[in-house]
Amino acid sequence: MRLNHVKRTGVTVVESAVVYPIVFLLVLGLLVGSWGVFRYQELASLARRATRYAAVHGAQYERDTAKKAATAADIYDKAIAPYAIGLDRSRLTYSVKWNASNEQYSSAIVNNELVYTRNTVTVTINYRWLPEAFLGEIKLSSTSVLPMSY
């Protein structure tokens, strides 16, 4: 028995013309998404690093070592800027906030009792990321909070 074979020339070209652009867009989306995740992880790491630096360079550090306590500018210069390797620093903003002071503890009188409260430092880093695929600006932000520990 003989099979009738219909020749289908050019079918591969037509299928490729439909499938290749879709595959290309999916791969491009994966790449841009992974770059965004990398940028966010770098931002989170910077926030944690800056918070640790601020937590151990407070007022008690100044009293014990006779070195100046960290200010927001010191935190940026020593803990953020040197480690912001893959980030455009002109798109990077930061804020440092101490909940009460640069001290390790604060005290208050509650019900005629002296109560010590652990002070914390909060570092927030924002980054305006312009994806490599020209999709528009995306705002990334990371916040880290630690108790003052020195």
C-alpha atoms as a PDB file:
ATOM      1  CA  MET A   1       0.000   0.000   0.000  1.00  0.00           C
ATOM      2  CA  ARG A   2       1.377   3.324  -0.974  1.00  0.00           C
ATOM      3  CA  LEU A   3       0.898   6.452   1.190  1.00  0.00           C
ATOM      4  CA  ASN A   4       0.012   9.676  -0.447  1.00  0.00           C
ATOM      5  CA  HIS A   5       2.452  12.259   0.805  1.00  0.00           C
ATOM      6  CA  VAL A   6       1.542  15.863   0.370  1.00  0.00           C
ATOM      7  CA  LYS A   7       4.602  18.050   0.269  1.00  0.00           C
ATOM      8  CA  ARG A   8       4.447  20.880   2.765  1.00  0.00           C
ATOM      9  CA  THR A   9       7.349  23.089   1.802  1.00  0.00           C
ATOM     10  CA  GLY A  10       7.854  26.197   3.889  1.00  0.00           C
ATOM     11  CA  VAL A  11       5.901  24.999   6.920  1.00  0.00           C
ATOM     12  CA  THR A  12       8.967  25.170   9.162  1.00  0.00           C
ATOM     13  CA  VAL A  13       9.635  28.739   8.125  1.00  0.00           C
ATOM     14  CA  VAL A  14       6.086  29.806   8.914  1.00  0.00           C
ATOM     15  CA  GLU A  15       6.065  28.020  12.280  1.00  0.00           C
ATOM     16  CA  SER A  16       9.437  29.549  13.156  1.00  0.00           C
ATOM     17  CA  ALA A  17       8.163  33.001  12.243  1.00  0.00           C
ATOM     18  CA  VAL A  18       5.391  32.553  14.807  1.00  0.00           C
ATOM     19  CA  VAL A  19       7.306  30.771  17.587  1.00  0.00           C
ATOM     20  CA  TYR A  20      10.716  32.535  17.582  1.00  0.00           C
ATOM     21  CA  PRO A  21       9.448  36.022  18.502  1.00  0.00           C
ATOM     22  CA  ILE A  22       7.433  34.586  21.385  1.00  0.00           C
ATOM     23  CA  VAL A  23      10.436  32.635  22.677  1.00  0.00           C
ATOM     24  CA  PHE A  24      12.649  35.709  22.279  1.00  0.00           C
ATOM     25  CA  LEU A  25      10.237  37.866  24.318  1.00  0.00           C
ATOM     26  CA  LEU A  26      10.014  35.210  27.043  1.00  0.00           C
ATOM     27  CA  VAL A  27      13.804  34.950  27.302  1.00  0.00           C
ATOM     28  CA  LEU A  28      14.144  38.742  27.315  1.00  0.00           C
ATOM     29  CA  GLY A  29      11.504  38.981  30.058  1.00  0.00           C
ATOM     30  CA  LEU A  30      13.376  36.398  32.140  1.00  0.00           C
ATOM     31  CA  LEU A  31      16.631  38.307  31.751  1.00  0.00           C
ATOM     32  CA  VAL A  32      15.143  41.682  32.665  1.00  0.00           C
ATOM     33  CA  GLY A  33      13.270  40.140  35.597  1.00  0.00           C
ATOM     34  CA  SER A  34      16.431  38.475  36.897  1.00  0.00           C
ATOM     35  CA  TRP A  35      18.316  41.782  36.637  1.00  0.00           C
ATOM     36  CA  GLY A  36      15.541  43.388  38.687  1.00  0.00           C
ATOM     37  CA  VAL A  37      15.785  40.673  41.343  1.00  0.00           C
ATOM     38  CA  PHE A  38      19.554  41.139  41.423  1.00  0.00           C
ATOM     39  CA  ARG A  39      19.179  44.913  41.872  1.00  0.00           C
ATOM     40  CA  TYR A  40      16.643  44.418  44.674  1.00  0.00           C
ATOM     41  CA  GLN A  41      18.881  41.888  46.458  1.00  0.00           C
ATOM     42  CA  GLU A  42      21.787  44.311  46.218  1.00  0.00           C
ATOM     43  CA  LEU A  43      19.594  47.067  47.647  1.00  0.00           C
ATOM     44  CA  ALA A  44      18.470  44.843  50.542  1.00  0.00           C
ATOM     45  CA  SER A  45      22.078  43.924  51.269  1.00  0.00           C
ATOM     46  CA  LEU A  46      23.059  47.608  51.319  1.00  0.00           C
ATOM     47  CA  ALA A  47      20.224  48.410  53.736  1.00  0.00           C
ATOM     48  CA  ARG A  48      21.257  45.603  56.107  1.00  0.00           C
ATOM     49  CA  ARG A  49      24.932  46.601  55.923  1.00  0.00           C
ATOM     50  CA  ALA A  50      24.147  50.275  56.604  1.00  0.00           C
ATOM     51  CA  THR A  51      21.869  49.391  59.522  1.00  0.00           C
ATOM     52  CA  ARG A  52      24.530  47.193  61.105  1.00  0.00           C
ATOM     53  CA  TYR A  53      27.072  49.991  60.737  1.00  0.00           C
ATOM     54  CA  ALA A  54      24.717  52.526  62.298  1.00  0.00           C
ATOM     55  CA  ALA A  55      23.756  50.172  65.148  1.00  0.00           C
ATOM     56  CA  VAL A  56      27.336  49.679  66.326  1.00  0.00           C
ATOM     57  CA  HIS A  57      28.620  53.228  65.776  1.00  0.00           C
ATOM     58  CA  GLY A  58      26.276  55.114  68.098  1.00  0.00           C
ATOM     59  CA  ALA A  59      26.719  57.299  71.169  1.00  0.00           C
ATOM     60  CA  GLN A  60      28.096  54.493  73.363  1.00  0.00           C
ATOM     61  CA  TYR A  61      30.710  53.785  70.682  1.00  0.00           C
ATOM     62  CA  GLU A  62      31.665  57.449  70.811  1.00  0.00           C
ATOM     63  CA  ARG A  63      32.073  57.383  74.617  1.00  0.00           C
ATOM     64  CA  ASP A  64      34.086  54.131  74.649  1.00  0.00           C
ATOM     65  CA  THR A  65      36.410  54.827  71.709  1.00  0.00           C
ATOM     66  CA  ALA A  66      36.580  58.643  71.675  1.00  0.00           C
ATOM     67  CA  LYS A  67      35.657  58.480  67.993  1.00  0.00           C
ATOM     68  CA  LYS A  68      32.714  60.388  66.576  1.00  0.00           C
ATOM     69  CA  ALA A  69      29.321  58.637  66.472  1.00  0.00           C
ATOM     70  CA  ALA A  70      27.992  57.836  63.028  1.00  0.00           C
ATOM     71  CA  THR A  71      25.845  60.377  61.234  1.00  0.00           C
ATOM     72  CA  ALA A  72      23.657  59.723  58.214  1.00  0.00           C
ATOM     73  CA  ALA A  73      26.418  61.033  55.912  1.00  0.00           C
ATOM     74  CA  ASP A  74      28.981  58.727  57.582  1.00  0.00           C
ATOM     75  CA  ILE A  75      26.689  55.759  57.076  1.00  0.00           C
ATOM     76  CA  TYR A  76      26.349  56.567  53.384  1.00  0.00           C
ATOM     77  CA  ASP A  77      30.085  57.161  52.919  1.00  0.00           C
ATOM     78  CA  LYS A  78      31.261  54.069  54.794  1.00  0.00           C
ATOM     79  CA  ALA A  79      28.498  51.480  54.438  1.00  0.00           C
ATOM     80  CA  ILE A  80      26.453  52.276  51.325  1.00  0.00           C
ATOM     81  CA  ALA A  81      28.539  53.998  48.631  1.00  0.00           C
ATOM     82  CA  PRO A  82      31.549  51.628  48.659  1.00  0.00           C
ATOM     83  CA  TYR A  83      29.293  48.589  48.222  1.00  0.00           C
ATOM     84  CA  ALA A  84      26.816  49.934  45.645  1.00  0.00           C
ATOM     85  CA  ILE A  85      28.752  48.271  42.846  1.00  0.00           C
ATOM     86  CA  GLY A  86      26.080  47.613  40.214  1.00  0.00           C
ATOM     87  CA  LEU A  87      23.882  50.577  41.058  1.00  0.00           C
ATOM     88  CA  ASP A  88      23.884  54.072  39.597  1.00  0.00           C
ATOM     89  CA  ARG A  89      24.497  56.241  42.686  1.00  0.00           C
ATOM     90  CA  SER A  90      22.675  59.194  41.143  1.00  0.00           C
ATOM     91  CA  ARG A  91      19.457  57.138  41.295  1.00  0.00           C
ATOM     92  CA  LEU A  92      20.060  56.023  44.886  1.00  0.00           C
ATOM     93  CA  THR A  93      18.542  57.788  47.909  1.00  0.00           C
ATOM     94  CA  TYR A  94      18.703  56.846  51.579  1.00  0.00           C
ATOM     95  CA  SER A  95      17.388  57.864  54.967  1.00  0.00           C
ATOM     96  CA  VAL A  96      18.604  57.001  58.456  1.00  0.00           C
ATOM     97  CA  LYS A  97      16.332  57.389  61.487  1.00  0.00           C
ATOM     98  CA  TRP A  98      16.960  56.676  65.128  1.00  0.00           C
ATOM     99  CA  ASN A  99      13.757  56.032  67.070  1.00  0.00           C
ATOM    100  CA  ALA A 100      14.829  58.058  70.113  1.00  0.00           C
ATOM    101  CA  SER A 101      18.511  58.899  70.017  1.00  0.00           C
ATOM    102  CA  ASN A 102      21.827  57.506  68.956  1.00  0.00           C
ATOM    103  CA  GLU A 103      22.002  55.826  72.386  1.00  0.00           C
ATOM    104  CA  GLN A 104      21.666  52.123  73.026  1.00  0.00           C
ATOM    105  CA  TYR A 105      18.821  52.606  75.531  1.00  0.00           C
ATOM    106  CA  SER A 106      16.416  55.344  76.404  1.00  0.00           C
ATOM    107  CA  SER A 107      14.652  55.623  79.712  1.00  0.00           C
ATOM    108  CA  ALA A 108      11.253  56.778  80.783  1.00  0.00           C
ATOM    109  CA  ILE A 109       9.326  56.787  84.009  1.00  0.00           C
ATOM    110  CA  VAL A 110       6.202  54.642  83.831  1.00  0.00           C
ATOM    111  CA  ASN A 111       4.052  54.202  86.966  1.00  0.00           C
ATOM    112  CA  ASN A 112       6.820  55.701  89.093  1.00  0.00           C
ATOM    113  CA  GLU A 113       9.299  53.147  87.731  1.00  0.00           C
ATOM    114  CA  LEU A 114      12.326  53.758  85.558  1.00  0.00           C
ATOM    115  CA  VAL A 115      11.891  51.737  82.363  1.00  0.00           C
ATOM    116  CA  TYR A 116      14.670  51.235  79.835  1.00  0.00           C
ATOM    117  CA  THR A 117      13.720  50.834  76.204  1.00  0.00           C
ATOM    118  CA  ARG A 118      15.982  49.509  73.475  1.00  0.00           C
ATOM    119  CA  ASN A 119      16.548  52.154  70.808  1.00  0.00           C
ATOM    120  CA  THR A 120      16.576  51.141  67.162  1.00  0.00           C
ATOM    121  CA  VAL A 121      17.974  52.521  63.944  1.00  0.00           C
ATOM    122  CA  THR A 122      16.104  52.302  60.635  1.00  0.00           C
ATOM    123  CA  VAL A 123      17.787  52.621  57.256  1.00  0.00           C
ATOM    124  CA  THR A 124      15.695  52.910  54.099  1.00  0.00           C
ATOM    125  CA  ILE A 125      17.319  52.824  50.682  1.00  0.00           C
ATOM    126  CA  ASN A 126      15.389  53.690  47.511  1.00  0.00           C
ATOM    127  CA  TYR A 127      16.543  53.115  43.951  1.00  0.00           C
ATOM    128  CA  ARG A 128      14.960  54.254  40.702  1.00  0.00           C
ATOM    129  CA  TRP A 129      15.753  51.388  38.331  1.00  0.00           C
ATOM    130  CA  LEU A 130      15.449  51.902  34.598  1.00  0.00           C
ATOM    131  CA  PRO A 131      15.163  48.347  33.213  1.00  0.00           C
ATOM    132  CA  GLU A 132      17.434  47.412  30.357  1.00  0.00           C
ATOM    133  CA  ALA A 133      14.402  46.707  28.150  1.00  0.00           C
ATOM    134  CA  PHE A 134      13.207  50.365  28.333  1.00  0.00           C
ATOM    135  CA  LEU A 135       9.993  49.474  30.129  1.00  0.00           C
ATOM    136  CA  GLY A 136       9.919  52.642  32.199  1.00  0.00           C
ATOM    137  CA  GLU A 137      11.246  53.432  35.629  1.00  0.00           C
ATOM    138  CA  ILE A 138      10.624  51.032  38.508  1.00  0.00           C
ATOM    139  CA  LYS A 139      11.076  52.166  42.127  1.00  0.00           C
ATOM    140  CA  LEU A 140      12.795  49.662  44.395  1.00  0.00           C
ATOM    141  CA  SER A 141      12.961  50.153  48.155  1.00  0.00           C
ATOM    142  CA  SER A 142      14.414  48.241  51.080  1.00  0.00           C
ATOM    143  CA  THR A 143      14.180  48.994  54.804  1.00  0.00           C
ATOM    144  CA  SER A 144      16.165  47.452  57.623  1.00  0.00           C
ATOM    145  CA  VAL A 145      15.703  47.949  61.397  1.00  0.00           C
ATOM    146  CA  LEU A 146      18.133  46.917  64.115  1.00  0.00           C
ATOM    147  CA  PRO A 147      18.469  47.685  67.831  1.00  0.00           C
ATOM    148  CA  MET A 148      21.410  49.872  68.815  1.00  0.00           C
ATOM    149  CA  SER A 149      24.000  47.400  70.038  1.00  0.00           C
ATOM    150  CA  TYR A 150      27.096  49.292  71.116  1.00  0.00           C
END
